Structures are given as structure tokens and as C-alpha cells.
Amino acid sequence: MSKHSSADSREQGYREKALKMYPWVCGRCAREFSGKRVSELTVHHRDHNHDNNPEDGSNWELLCLYCHDNEHARYTDQQYFSESSTATPKTQKATHKGLAGLGALLGKTEDKEA
């Protein structure tokens, strides 16, 4: 048995369990699925660890294909832009105050007109 088919059978196993445990509704957009459209529901691992498959399904939620893709894109962005990421572009924070002298300038203008 190849590694790929082992992963496929594991995925099929937790998918079947999740579909029996949870209503066929996307956990994000609340769209309902039935019949052939159930294939559009995916099992999302809340902790993003596909090896964490507790029997009670506590690490799973059903998401439609669109919401699932969106969730993974958000997770990827979060990983990329996190403080501990080595991929995050490091820039210095601005320390100047661009409008710092504006109040004084406006005050002088008002004084001249008064």
C-alpha cells in the first residue's frame, strides 16, 4: 500500500465519520447541502493538523469548498505575517509624526487673521 493511498483512505474514513456526526451545512456560510452537492463539503481540521483526528470529531468542521479555501488562505497569510515568521518582511515602524507641526502652523495662521 503506497503512502498516498493510505492518506486517501484515512481521509475517506474521517470524512465519512464527520458527515455522519454533523449536519450537512457549511460551518462558515451556513449553506445547506444534500444529494450530489454533499461532495462540495470538505472536512476542515480546526488546528490544521490532518493527523489529529479524535474519534469525537472535535477537531473537524464541515466547510464548503469556497469557505475551506478561504480559511486556508487566511491561515497561510497568518503564518506568513506572524511575528515569528522568518518570511515576514521586516520593516522599521515609522517614528516621525507627519502632522506634528500642523497645529502650530494653523495657530499662527489664525493669529495673523485675528
PDB file of N, CA and C in Angstrom:
ATOM      1  N   MET A   1       0.847  -1.181   0.000  1.00  0.00           N
ATOM      2  CA  MET A   1       0.000   0.000   0.000  1.00  0.00           C
ATOM      3  C   MET A   1       0.886   1.236   0.000  1.00  0.00           C
ATOM      4  N   SER A   2       0.682   2.126  -0.934  1.00  0.00           N
ATOM      5  CA  SER A   2       1.505   3.327  -1.029  1.00  0.00           C
ATOM      6  C   SER A   2       1.083   4.350   0.022  1.00  0.00           C
ATOM      7  N   LYS A   3       1.972   5.285   0.279  1.00  0.00           N
ATOM      8  CA  LYS A   3       1.693   6.344   1.250  1.00  0.00           C
ATOM      9  C   LYS A   3       0.482   7.161   0.819  1.00  0.00           C
ATOM     10  N   HIS A   4       0.387   7.414  -0.483  1.00  0.00           N
ATOM     11  CA  HIS A   4      -0.712   8.232  -0.997  1.00  0.00           C
ATOM     12  C   HIS A   4      -2.057   7.550  -0.759  1.00  0.00           C
ATOM     13  N   SER A   5      -2.158   6.269  -1.043  1.00  0.00           N
ATOM     14  CA  SER A   5      -3.436   5.592  -0.867  1.00  0.00           C
ATOM     15  C   SER A   5      -3.770   5.447   0.614  1.00  0.00           C
ATOM     16  N   SER A   6      -2.768   5.382   1.477  1.00  0.00           N
ATOM     17  CA  SER A   6      -3.003   5.347   2.923  1.00  0.00           C
ATOM     18  C   SER A   6      -3.617   6.668   3.387  1.00  0.00           C
ATOM     19  N   ALA A   7      -3.078   7.772   2.896  1.00  0.00           N
ATOM     20  CA  ALA A   7      -3.626   9.091   3.238  1.00  0.00           C
ATOM     21  C   ALA A   7      -5.044   9.228   2.693  1.00  0.00           C
ATOM     22  N   ASP A   8      -5.273   8.733   1.479  1.00  0.00           N
ATOM     23  CA  ASP A   8      -6.614   8.808   0.888  1.00  0.00           C
ATOM     24  C   ASP A   8      -7.625   8.018   1.711  1.00  0.00           C
ATOM     25  N   SER A   9      -7.236   6.831   2.162  1.00  0.00           N
ATOM     26  CA  SER A   9      -8.169   6.014   2.937  1.00  0.00           C
ATOM     27  C   SER A   9      -8.412   6.630   4.311  1.00  0.00           C
ATOM     28  N   ARG A  10      -7.373   7.238   4.912  1.00  0.00           N
ATOM     29  CA  ARG A  10      -7.539   7.910   6.205  1.00  0.00           C
ATOM     30  C   ARG A  10      -8.506   9.072   6.041  1.00  0.00           C
ATOM     31  N   GLU A  11      -8.313   9.864   4.961  1.00  0.00           N
ATOM     32  CA  GLU A  11      -9.201  10.999   4.707  1.00  0.00           C
ATOM     33  C   GLU A  11     -10.631  10.534   4.490  1.00  0.00           C
ATOM     34  N   GLN A  12     -10.800   9.477   3.730  1.00  0.00           N
ATOM     35  CA  GLN A  12     -12.141   8.959   3.467  1.00  0.00           C
ATOM     36  C   GLN A  12     -12.796   8.517   4.776  1.00  0.00           C
ATOM     37  N   GLY A  13     -11.993   7.928   5.683  1.00  0.00           N
ATOM     38  CA  GLY A  13     -12.518   7.471   6.967  1.00  0.00           C
ATOM     39  C   GLY A  13     -13.036   8.614   7.815  1.00  0.00           C
ATOM     40  N   TYR A  14     -12.242   9.669   7.987  1.00  0.00           N
ATOM     41  CA  TYR A  14     -12.725  10.766   8.830  1.00  0.00           C
ATOM     42  C   TYR A  14     -13.797  11.579   8.119  1.00  0.00           C
ATOM     43  N   ARG A  15     -13.788  11.605   6.805  1.00  0.00           N
ATOM     44  CA  ARG A  15     -14.857  12.299   6.079  1.00  0.00           C
ATOM     45  C   ARG A  15     -16.199  11.611   6.322  1.00  0.00           C
ATOM     46  N   GLU A  16     -16.210  10.289   6.200  1.00  0.00           N
ATOM     47  CA  GLU A  16     -17.450   9.539   6.443  1.00  0.00           C
ATOM     48  C   GLU A  16     -17.956   9.769   7.866  1.00  0.00           C
ATOM     49  N   LYS A  17     -17.040   9.752   8.831  1.00  0.00           N
ATOM     50  CA  LYS A  17     -17.434   9.967  10.230  1.00  0.00           C
ATOM     51  C   LYS A  17     -17.993  11.377  10.420  1.00  0.00           C
ATOM     52  N   ALA A  18     -17.313  12.370   9.850  1.00  0.00           N
ATOM     53  CA  ALA A  18     -17.760  13.756  10.005  1.00  0.00           C
ATOM     54  C   ALA A  18     -19.134  13.958   9.365  1.00  0.00           C
ATOM     55  N   LEU A  19     -19.364  13.352   8.211  1.00  0.00           N
ATOM     56  CA  LEU A  19     -20.661  13.502   7.545  1.00  0.00           C
ATOM     57  C   LEU A  19     -21.786  12.834   8.334  1.00  0.00           C
ATOM     58  N   LYS A  20     -21.448  11.824   9.135  1.00  0.00           N
ATOM     59  CA  LYS A  20     -22.454  11.184   9.985  1.00  0.00           C
ATOM     60  C   LYS A  20     -22.695  11.994  11.258  1.00  0.00           C
ATOM     61  N   MET A  21     -21.664  12.686  11.734  1.00  0.00           N
ATOM     62  CA  MET A  21     -21.755  13.427  13.002  1.00  0.00           C
ATOM     63  C   MET A  21     -22.432  14.779  12.868  1.00  0.00           C
ATOM     64  N   TYR A  22     -22.146  15.472  11.784  1.00  0.00           N
ATOM     65  CA  TYR A  22     -22.540  16.869  11.657  1.00  0.00           C
ATOM     66  C   TYR A  22     -23.612  17.053  10.592  1.00  0.00           C
ATOM     67  N   PRO A  23     -24.462  18.072  10.764  1.00  0.00           N
ATOM     68  CA  PRO A  23     -25.429  18.381   9.699  1.00  0.00           C
ATOM     69  C   PRO A  23     -24.677  18.841   8.451  1.00  0.00           C
ATOM     70  N   TRP A  24     -25.254  18.635   7.311  1.00  0.00           N
ATOM     71  CA  TRP A  24     -24.601  18.957   6.041  1.00  0.00           C
ATOM     72  C   TRP A  24     -24.777  20.443   5.732  1.00  0.00           C
ATOM     73  N   VAL A  25     -24.148  21.239   6.555  1.00  0.00           N
ATOM     74  CA  VAL A  25     -24.218  22.693   6.476  1.00  0.00           C
ATOM     75  C   VAL A  25     -22.804  23.228   6.622  1.00  0.00           C
ATOM     76  N   CYS A  26     -22.443  24.204   5.803  1.00  0.00           N
ATOM     77  CA  CYS A  26     -21.121  24.817   5.917  1.00  0.00           C
ATOM     78  C   CYS A  26     -21.028  25.586   7.235  1.00  0.00           C
ATOM     79  N   GLY A  27     -19.972  25.341   7.969  1.00  0.00           N
ATOM     80  CA  GLY A  27     -19.779  25.983   9.259  1.00  0.00           C
ATOM     81  C   GLY A  27     -19.486  27.469   9.176  1.00  0.00           C
ATOM     82  N   ARG A  28     -19.229  28.004   7.990  1.00  0.00           N
ATOM     83  CA  ARG A  28     -18.944  29.430   7.839  1.00  0.00           C
ATOM     84  C   ARG A  28     -20.115  30.174   7.187  1.00  0.00           C
ATOM     85  N   CYS A  29     -20.504  29.749   6.003  1.00  0.00           N
ATOM     86  CA  CYS A  29     -21.540  30.497   5.267  1.00  0.00           C
ATOM     87  C   CYS A  29     -22.942  29.954   5.504  1.00  0.00           C
ATOM     88  N   ALA A  30     -23.064  28.824   6.189  1.00  0.00           N
ATOM     89  CA  ALA A  30     -24.344  28.215   6.567  1.00  0.00           C
ATOM     90  C   ALA A  30     -25.167  27.691   5.389  1.00  0.00           C
ATOM     91  N   ARG A  31     -24.531  27.529   4.225  1.00  0.00           N
ATOM     92  CA  ARG A  31     -25.249  26.921   3.099  1.00  0.00           C
ATOM     93  C   ARG A  31     -25.513  25.456   3.416  1.00  0.00           C
ATOM     94  N   GLU A  32     -26.684  24.972   3.034  1.00  0.00           N
ATOM     95  CA  GLU A  32     -27.054  23.580   3.255  1.00  0.00           C
ATOM     96  C   GLU A  32     -26.768  22.772   1.992  1.00  0.00           C
ATOM     97  N   PHE A  33     -26.372  21.526   2.179  1.00  0.00           N
ATOM     98  CA  PHE A  33     -26.031  20.645   1.070  1.00  0.00           C
ATOM     99  C   PHE A  33     -26.805  19.352   1.189  1.00  0.00           C
ATOM    100  N   SER A  34     -27.145  18.777   0.037  1.00  0.00           N
ATOM    101  CA  SER A  34     -27.818  17.477   0.008  1.00  0.00           C
ATOM    102  C   SER A  34     -27.524  16.809  -1.323  1.00  0.00           C
ATOM    103  N   GLY A  35     -27.835  15.533  -1.401  1.00  0.00           N
ATOM    104  CA  GLY A  35     -27.641  14.777  -2.633  1.00  0.00           C
ATOM    105  C   GLY A  35     -26.215  14.822  -3.132  1.00  0.00           C
ATOM    106  N   LYS A  36     -26.061  15.023  -4.428  1.00  0.00           N
ATOM    107  CA  LYS A  36     -24.734  15.063  -5.048  1.00  0.00           C
ATOM    108  C   LYS A  36     -23.912  16.247  -4.561  1.00  0.00           C
ATOM    109  N   ARG A  37     -24.571  17.303  -4.111  1.00  0.00           N
ATOM    110  CA  ARG A  37     -23.868  18.516  -3.683  1.00  0.00           C
ATOM    111  C   ARG A  37     -23.103  18.319  -2.374  1.00  0.00           C
ATOM    112  N   VAL A  38     -23.357  17.220  -1.660  1.00  0.00           N
ATOM    113  CA  VAL A  38     -22.614  16.944  -0.422  1.00  0.00           C
ATOM    114  C   VAL A  38     -21.132  16.822  -0.730  1.00  0.00           C
ATOM    115  N   SER A  39     -20.802  16.463  -1.955  1.00  0.00           N
ATOM    116  CA  SER A  39     -19.386  16.360  -2.335  1.00  0.00           C
ATOM    117  C   SER A  39     -18.687  17.710  -2.264  1.00  0.00           C
ATOM    118  N   GLU A  40     -19.452  18.810  -2.210  1.00  0.00           N
ATOM    119  CA  GLU A  40     -18.876  20.151  -2.101  1.00  0.00           C
ATOM    120  C   GLU A  40     -18.518  20.521  -0.661  1.00  0.00           C
ATOM    121  N   LEU A  41     -18.871  19.659   0.290  1.00  0.00           N
ATOM    122  CA  LEU A  41     -18.485  19.876   1.685  1.00  0.00           C
ATOM    123  C   LEU A  41     -17.154  19.190   1.945  1.00  0.00           C
ATOM    124  N   THR A  42     -16.271  19.881   2.623  1.00  0.00           N
ATOM    125  CA  THR A  42     -14.977  19.301   2.984  1.00  0.00           C
ATOM    126  C   THR A  42     -14.873  19.240   4.501  1.00  0.00           C
ATOM    127  N   VAL A  43     -14.003  18.376   4.978  1.00  0.00           N
ATOM    128  CA  VAL A  43     -13.730  18.298   6.406  1.00  0.00           C
ATOM    129  C   VAL A  43     -12.516  19.173   6.676  1.00  0.00           C
ATOM    130  N   HIS A  44     -12.735  20.220   7.449  1.00  0.00           N
ATOM    131  CA  HIS A  44     -11.646  21.121   7.810  1.00  0.00           C
ATOM    132  C   HIS A  44     -11.142  20.752   9.198  1.00  0.00           C
ATOM    133  N   HIS A  45      -9.824  20.659   9.342  1.00  0.00           N
ATOM    134  CA  HIS A  45      -9.212  20.415  10.649  1.00  0.00           C
ATOM    135  C   HIS A  45      -8.995  21.763  11.322  1.00  0.00           C
ATOM    136  N   ARG A  46      -9.640  21.980  12.422  1.00  0.00           N
ATOM    137  CA  ARG A  46      -9.588  23.268  13.123  1.00  0.00           C
ATOM    138  C   ARG A  46      -8.165  23.684  13.466  1.00  0.00           C
ATOM    139  N   ASP A  47      -7.323  22.708  13.828  1.00  0.00           N
ATOM    140  CA  ASP A  47      -5.934  23.034  14.187  1.00  0.00           C
ATOM    141  C   ASP A  47      -4.986  22.890  13.000  1.00  0.00           C
ATOM    142  N   HIS A  48      -5.529  22.629  11.827  1.00  0.00           N
ATOM    143  CA  HIS A  48      -4.784  22.489  10.573  1.00  0.00           C
ATOM    144  C   HIS A  48      -3.837  21.287  10.580  1.00  0.00           C
ATOM    145  N   ASN A  49      -4.034  20.352  11.488  1.00  0.00           N
ATOM    146  CA  ASN A  49      -3.219  19.134  11.568  1.00  0.00           C
ATOM    147  C   ASN A  49      -4.065  17.962  11.079  1.00  0.00           C
ATOM    148  N   HIS A  50      -3.782  17.482   9.889  1.00  0.00           N
ATOM    149  CA  HIS A  50      -4.580  16.412   9.292  1.00  0.00           C
ATOM    150  C   HIS A  50      -4.360  15.061   9.960  1.00  0.00           C
ATOM    151  N   ASP A  51      -3.380  14.977  10.832  1.00  0.00           N
ATOM    152  CA  ASP A  51      -3.150  13.740  11.580  1.00  0.00           C
ATOM    153  C   ASP A  51      -3.894  13.740  12.908  1.00  0.00           C
ATOM    154  N   ASN A  52      -4.486  14.869  13.290  1.00  0.00           N
ATOM    155  CA  ASN A  52      -5.223  14.972  14.545  1.00  0.00           C
ATOM    156  C   ASN A  52      -6.702  14.707  14.265  1.00  0.00           C
ATOM    157  N   ASN A  53      -7.096  13.455  14.446  1.00  0.00           N
ATOM    158  CA  ASN A  53      -8.455  13.033  14.121  1.00  0.00           C
ATOM    159  C   ASN A  53      -9.106  12.318  15.306  1.00  0.00           C
ATOM    160  N   PRO A  54      -9.452  13.064  16.366  1.00  0.00           N
ATOM    161  CA  PRO A  54     -10.082  12.419  17.518  1.00  0.00           C
ATOM    162  C   PRO A  54     -11.425  11.803  17.138  1.00  0.00           C
ATOM    163  N   GLU A  55     -11.748  10.714  17.773  1.00  0.00           N
ATOM    164  CA  GLU A  55     -12.981   9.980  17.455  1.00  0.00           C
ATOM    165  C   GLU A  55     -14.242  10.820  17.666  1.00  0.00           C
ATOM    166  N   ASP A  56     -14.169  11.800  18.580  1.00  0.00           N
ATOM    167  CA  ASP A  56     -15.360  12.624  18.834  1.00  0.00           C
ATOM    168  C   ASP A  56     -15.543  13.729  17.800  1.00  0.00           C
ATOM    169  N   GLY A  57     -14.597  13.858  16.852  1.00  0.00           N
ATOM    170  CA  GLY A  57     -14.720  14.846  15.787  1.00  0.00           C
ATOM    171  C   GLY A  57     -14.480  16.274  16.233  1.00  0.00           C
ATOM    172  N   SER A  58     -13.909  16.462  17.402  1.00  0.00           N
ATOM    173  CA  SER A  58     -13.752  17.812  17.953  1.00  0.00           C
ATOM    174  C   SER A  58     -12.761  18.677  17.177  1.00  0.00           C
ATOM    175  N   ASN A  59     -11.960  18.084  16.313  1.00  0.00           N
ATOM    176  CA  ASN A  59     -11.017  18.867  15.506  1.00  0.00           C
ATOM    177  C   ASN A  59     -11.530  19.097  14.086  1.00  0.00           C
ATOM    178  N   TRP A  60     -12.761  18.723  13.828  1.00  0.00           N
ATOM    179  CA  TRP A  60     -13.310  18.833  12.483  1.00  0.00           C
ATOM    180  C   TRP A  60     -14.460  19.830  12.433  1.00  0.00           C
ATOM    181  N   GLU A  61     -14.630  20.401  11.263  1.00  0.00           N
ATOM    182  CA  GLU A  61     -15.854  21.120  10.938  1.00  0.00           C
ATOM    183  C   GLU A  61     -16.071  20.979   9.444  1.00  0.00           C
ATOM    184  N   LEU A  62     -17.315  20.944   9.048  1.00  0.00           N
ATOM    185  CA  LEU A  62     -17.636  20.855   7.632  1.00  0.00           C
ATOM    186  C   LEU A  62     -17.676  22.258   7.040  1.00  0.00           C
ATOM    187  N   LEU A  63     -16.929  22.450   5.966  1.00  0.00           N
ATOM    188  CA  LEU A  63     -16.914  23.719   5.248  1.00  0.00           C
ATOM    189  C   LEU A  63     -17.125  23.448   3.768  1.00  0.00           C
ATOM    190  N   CYS A  64     -17.818  24.345   3.091  1.00  0.00           N
ATOM    191  CA  CYS A  64     -17.953  24.207   1.639  1.00  0.00           C
ATOM    192  C   CYS A  64     -16.580  24.474   1.009  1.00  0.00           C
ATOM    193  N   LEU A  65     -16.437  24.107  -0.225  1.00  0.00           N
ATOM    194  CA  LEU A  65     -15.151  24.264  -0.912  1.00  0.00           C
ATOM    195  C   LEU A  65     -14.645  25.696  -0.862  1.00  0.00           C
ATOM    196  N   TYR A  66     -15.537  26.661  -1.043  1.00  0.00           N
ATOM    197  CA  TYR A  66     -15.143  28.069  -1.077  1.00  0.00           C
ATOM    198  C   TYR A  66     -14.658  28.550   0.291  1.00  0.00           C
ATOM    199  N   CYS A  67     -15.425  28.244   1.324  1.00  0.00           N
ATOM    200  CA  CYS A  67     -15.042  28.670   2.669  1.00  0.00           C
ATOM    201  C   CYS A  67     -13.778  27.938   3.129  1.00  0.00           C
ATOM    202  N   HIS A  68     -13.628  26.685   2.717  1.00  0.00           N
ATOM    203  CA  HIS A  68     -12.433  25.929   3.083  1.00  0.00           C
ATOM    204  C   HIS A  68     -11.190  26.549   2.451  1.00  0.00           C
ATOM    205  N   ASP A  69     -11.281  26.891   1.176  1.00  0.00           N
ATOM    206  CA  ASP A  69     -10.151  27.559   0.514  1.00  0.00           C
ATOM    207  C   ASP A  69      -9.843  28.893   1.180  1.00  0.00           C
ATOM    208  N   ASN A  70     -10.886  29.642   1.527  1.00  0.00           N
ATOM    209  CA  ASN A  70     -10.697  30.925   2.188  1.00  0.00           C
ATOM    210  C   ASN A  70     -10.024  30.752   3.549  1.00  0.00           C
ATOM    211  N   GLU A  71     -10.447  29.759   4.304  1.00  0.00           N
ATOM    212  CA  GLU A  71      -9.863  29.506   5.622  1.00  0.00           C
ATOM    213  C   GLU A  71      -8.376  29.185   5.503  1.00  0.00           C
ATOM    214  N   HIS A  72      -8.015  28.357   4.528  1.00  0.00           N
ATOM    215  CA  HIS A  72      -6.601  28.006   4.366  1.00  0.00           C
ATOM    216  C   HIS A  72      -5.783  29.187   3.854  1.00  0.00           C
ATOM    217  N   ALA A  73      -6.360  30.026   3.029  1.00  0.00           N
ATOM    218  CA  ALA A  73      -5.656  31.229   2.574  1.00  0.00           C
ATOM    219  C   ALA A  73      -5.411  32.168   3.748  1.00  0.00           C
ATOM    220  N   ARG A  74      -6.405  32.317   4.618  1.00  0.00           N
ATOM    221  CA  ARG A  74      -6.236  33.162   5.806  1.00  0.00           C
ATOM    222  C   ARG A  74      -5.171  32.590   6.732  1.00  0.00           C
ATOM    223  N   TYR A  75      -5.164  31.278   6.893  1.00  0.00           N
ATOM    224  CA  TYR A  75      -4.171  30.629   7.751  1.00  0.00           C
ATOM    225  C   TYR A  75      -2.765  30.823   7.179  1.00  0.00           C
ATOM    226  N   THR A  76      -2.634  30.686   5.865  1.00  0.00           N
ATOM    227  CA  THR A  76      -1.336  30.884   5.213  1.00  0.00           C
ATOM    228  C   THR A  76      -0.865  32.317   5.403  1.00  0.00           C
ATOM    229  N   ASP A  77      -1.765  33.275   5.218  1.00  0.00           N
ATOM    230  CA  ASP A  77      -1.411  34.684   5.437  1.00  0.00           C
ATOM    231  C   ASP A  77      -0.992  34.918   6.882  1.00  0.00           C
ATOM    232  N   GLN A  78      -1.719  34.328   7.805  1.00  0.00           N
ATOM    233  CA  GLN A  78      -1.406  34.495   9.228  1.00  0.00           C
ATOM    234  C   GLN A  78      -0.008  33.957   9.522  1.00  0.00           C
ATOM    235  N   GLN A  79       0.328  32.800   8.962  1.00  0.00           N
ATOM    236  CA  GLN A  79       1.650  32.226   9.175  1.00  0.00           C
ATOM    237  C   GLN A  79       2.724  33.107   8.552  1.00  0.00           C
ATOM    238  N   TYR A  80       2.443  33.641   7.380  1.00  0.00           N
ATOM    239  CA  TYR A  80       3.418  34.450   6.665  1.00  0.00           C
ATOM    240  C   TYR A  80       3.701  35.763   7.380  1.00  0.00           C
ATOM    241  N   PHE A  81       2.653  36.371   7.920  1.00  0.00           N
ATOM    242  CA  PHE A  81       2.801  37.694   8.513  1.00  0.00           C
ATOM    243  C   PHE A  81       2.947  37.681  10.033  1.00  0.00           C
ATOM    244  N   SER A  82       3.103  36.512  10.636  1.00  0.00           N
ATOM    245  CA  SER A  82       3.245  36.455  12.092  1.00  0.00           C
ATOM    246  C   SER A  82       4.601  36.990  12.520  1.00  0.00           C
ATOM    247  N   GLU A  83       4.693  37.393  13.755  1.00  0.00           N
ATOM    248  CA  GLU A  83       5.933  37.961  14.291  1.00  0.00           C
ATOM    249  C   GLU A  83       7.089  36.972  14.214  1.00  0.00           C
ATOM    250  N   SER A  84       6.804  35.675  14.424  1.00  0.00           N
ATOM    251  CA  SER A  84       7.877  34.683  14.477  1.00  0.00           C
ATOM    252  C   SER A  84       8.284  34.160  13.103  1.00  0.00           C
ATOM    253  N   SER A  85       7.562  34.568  12.066  1.00  0.00           N
ATOM    254  CA  SER A  85       7.856  34.077  10.730  1.00  0.00           C
ATOM    255  C   SER A  85       9.167  34.660  10.210  1.00  0.00           C
ATOM    256  N   THR A  86      10.006  33.799   9.652  1.00  0.00           N
ATOM    257  CA  THR A  86      11.244  34.281   9.034  1.00  0.00           C
ATOM    258  C   THR A  86      10.968  34.827   7.641  1.00  0.00           C
ATOM    259  N   ALA A  87       9.781  34.535   7.102  1.00  0.00           N
ATOM    260  CA  ALA A  87       9.415  35.006   5.765  1.00  0.00           C
ATOM    261  C   ALA A  87       8.815  36.407   5.800  1.00  0.00           C
ATOM    262  N   THR A  88       8.418  36.857   6.967  1.00  0.00           N
ATOM    263  CA  THR A  88       7.777  38.164   7.077  1.00  0.00           C
ATOM    264  C   THR A  88       8.755  39.269   6.730  1.00  0.00           C
ATOM    265  N   PRO A  89       8.385  40.127   5.810  1.00  0.00           N
ATOM    266  CA  PRO A  89       9.266  41.254   5.525  1.00  0.00           C
ATOM    267  C   PRO A  89       9.356  42.145   6.759  1.00  0.00           C
ATOM    268  N   LYS A  90      10.545  42.358   7.253  1.00  0.00           N
ATOM    269  CA  LYS A  90      10.744  43.185   8.445  1.00  0.00           C
ATOM    270  C   LYS A  90      10.995  44.619   8.017  1.00  0.00           C
ATOM    271  N   THR A  91      10.190  45.502   8.494  1.00  0.00           N
ATOM    272  CA  THR A  91      10.366  46.920   8.197  1.00  0.00           C
ATOM    273  C   THR A  91      10.373  47.676   9.509  1.00  0.00           C
ATOM    274  N   GLN A  92      11.001  48.813   9.501  1.00  0.00           N
ATOM    275  CA  GLN A  92      11.010  49.628  10.699  1.00  0.00           C
ATOM    276  C   GLN A  92       9.678  50.361  10.796  1.00  0.00           C
ATOM    277  N   LYS A  93       9.224  50.508  12.021  1.00  0.00           N
ATOM    278  CA  LYS A  93       7.995  51.256  12.225  1.00  0.00           C
ATOM    279  C   LYS A  93       8.310  52.741  12.118  1.00  0.00           C
ATOM    280  N   ALA A  94       7.387  53.471  11.573  1.00  0.00           N
ATOM    281  CA  ALA A  94       7.569  54.914  11.439  1.00  0.00           C
ATOM    282  C   ALA A  94       7.619  55.554  12.821  1.00  0.00           C
ATOM    283  N   THR A  95       8.581  56.425  13.031  1.00  0.00           N
ATOM    284  CA  THR A  95       8.698  57.113  14.320  1.00  0.00           C
ATOM    285  C   THR A  95       8.406  58.605  14.186  1.00  0.00           C
ATOM    286  N   HIS A  96       8.371  59.092  12.951  1.00  0.00           N
ATOM    287  CA  HIS A  96       8.085  60.508  12.768  1.00  0.00           C
ATOM    288  C   HIS A  96       6.581  60.750  12.840  1.00  0.00           C
ATOM    289  N   LYS A  97       6.218  61.960  13.092  1.00  0.00           N
ATOM    290  CA  LYS A  97       4.814  62.337  13.131  1.00  0.00           C
ATOM    291  C   LYS A  97       4.598  63.376  12.046  1.00  0.00           C
ATOM    292  N   GLY A  98       4.078  62.914  10.939  1.00  0.00           N
ATOM    293  CA  GLY A  98       3.959  63.742   9.752  1.00  0.00           C
ATOM    294  C   GLY A  98       3.186  65.030   9.937  1.00  0.00           C
ATOM    295  N   LEU A  99       2.212  65.045  10.808  1.00  0.00           N
ATOM    296  CA  LEU A  99       1.385  66.240  11.000  1.00  0.00           C
ATOM    297  C   LEU A  99       1.669  66.913  12.344  1.00  0.00           C
ATOM    298  N   ALA A 100       2.828  66.615  12.930  1.00  0.00           N
ATOM    299  CA  ALA A 100       3.134  67.114  14.269  1.00  0.00           C
ATOM    300  C   ALA A 100       3.116  68.637  14.347  1.00  0.00           C
ATOM    301  N   GLY A 101       3.592  69.344  13.354  1.00  0.00           N
ATOM    302  CA  GLY A 101       3.657  70.800  13.413  1.00  0.00           C
ATOM    303  C   GLY A 101       2.432  71.495  12.865  1.00  0.00           C
ATOM    304  N   LEU A 102       1.455  70.732  12.421  1.00  0.00           N
ATOM    305  CA  LEU A 102       0.287  71.333  11.780  1.00  0.00           C
ATOM    306  C   LEU A 102      -0.502  72.243  12.715  1.00  0.00           C
ATOM    307  N   GLY A 103      -0.689  71.807  13.943  1.00  0.00           N
ATOM    308  CA  GLY A 103      -1.441  72.616  14.907  1.00  0.00           C
ATOM    309  C   GLY A 103      -0.795  73.969  15.115  1.00  0.00           C
ATOM    310  N   ALA A 104       0.519  73.977  15.252  1.00  0.00           N
ATOM    311  CA  ALA A 104       1.236  75.240  15.452  1.00  0.00           C
ATOM    312  C   ALA A 104       1.104  76.124  14.218  1.00  0.00           C
ATOM    313  N   LEU A 105       1.211  75.520  13.048  1.00  0.00           N
ATOM    314  CA  LEU A 105       1.065  76.289  11.805  1.00  0.00           C
ATOM    315  C   LEU A 105      -0.315  76.886  11.678  1.00  0.00           C
ATOM    316  N   LEU A 106      -1.323  76.091  12.006  1.00  0.00           N
ATOM    317  CA  LEU A 106      -2.693  76.590  11.933  1.00  0.00           C
ATOM    318  C   LEU A 106      -2.925  77.686  12.968  1.00  0.00           C
ATOM    319  N   GLY A 107      -2.327  77.527  14.115  1.00  0.00           N
ATOM    320  CA  GLY A 107      -2.460  78.551  15.159  1.00  0.00           C
ATOM    321  C   GLY A 107      -1.863  79.863  14.721  1.00  0.00           C
ATOM    322  N   LYS A 108      -0.720  79.821  14.048  1.00  0.00           N
ATOM    323  CA  LYS A 108      -0.073  81.041  13.559  1.00  0.00           C
ATOM    324  C   LYS A 108      -0.935  81.693  12.491  1.00  0.00           C
ATOM    325  N   THR A 109      -1.535  80.898  11.640  1.00  0.00           N
ATOM    326  CA  THR A 109      -2.383  81.415  10.565  1.00  0.00           C
ATOM    327  C   THR A 109      -3.584  82.124  11.169  1.00  0.00           C
ATOM    328  N   GLU A 110      -4.185  81.503  12.188  1.00  0.00           N
ATOM    329  CA  GLU A 110      -5.352  82.105  12.825  1.00  0.00           C
ATOM    330  C   GLU A 110      -4.976  83.401  13.528  1.00  0.00           C
ATOM    331  N   ASP A 111      -3.778  83.428  14.161  1.00  0.00           N
ATOM    332  CA  ASP A 111      -3.340  84.639  14.857  1.00  0.00           C
ATOM    333  C   ASP A 111      -3.198  85.802  13.888  1.00  0.00           C
ATOM    334  N   LYS A 112      -2.665  85.535  12.689  1.00  0.00           N
ATOM    335  CA  LYS A 112      -2.461  86.594  11.702  1.00  0.00           C
ATOM    336  C   LYS A 112      -3.776  87.192  11.232  1.00  0.00           C
ATOM    337  N   GLU A 113      -4.793  86.305  11.098  1.00  0.00           N
ATOM    338  CA  GLU A 113      -6.086  86.768  10.605  1.00  0.00           C
ATOM    339  C   GLU A 113      -6.858  87.514  11.689  1.00  0.00           C
ATOM    340  N   ALA A 114      -6.607  87.244  12.937  1.00  0.00           N
ATOM    341  CA  ALA A 114      -7.394  87.829  14.013  1.00  0.00           C
ATOM    342  C   ALA A 114      -7.032  89.234  14.349  1.00  0.00           C
TER     343      ALA A 114
END
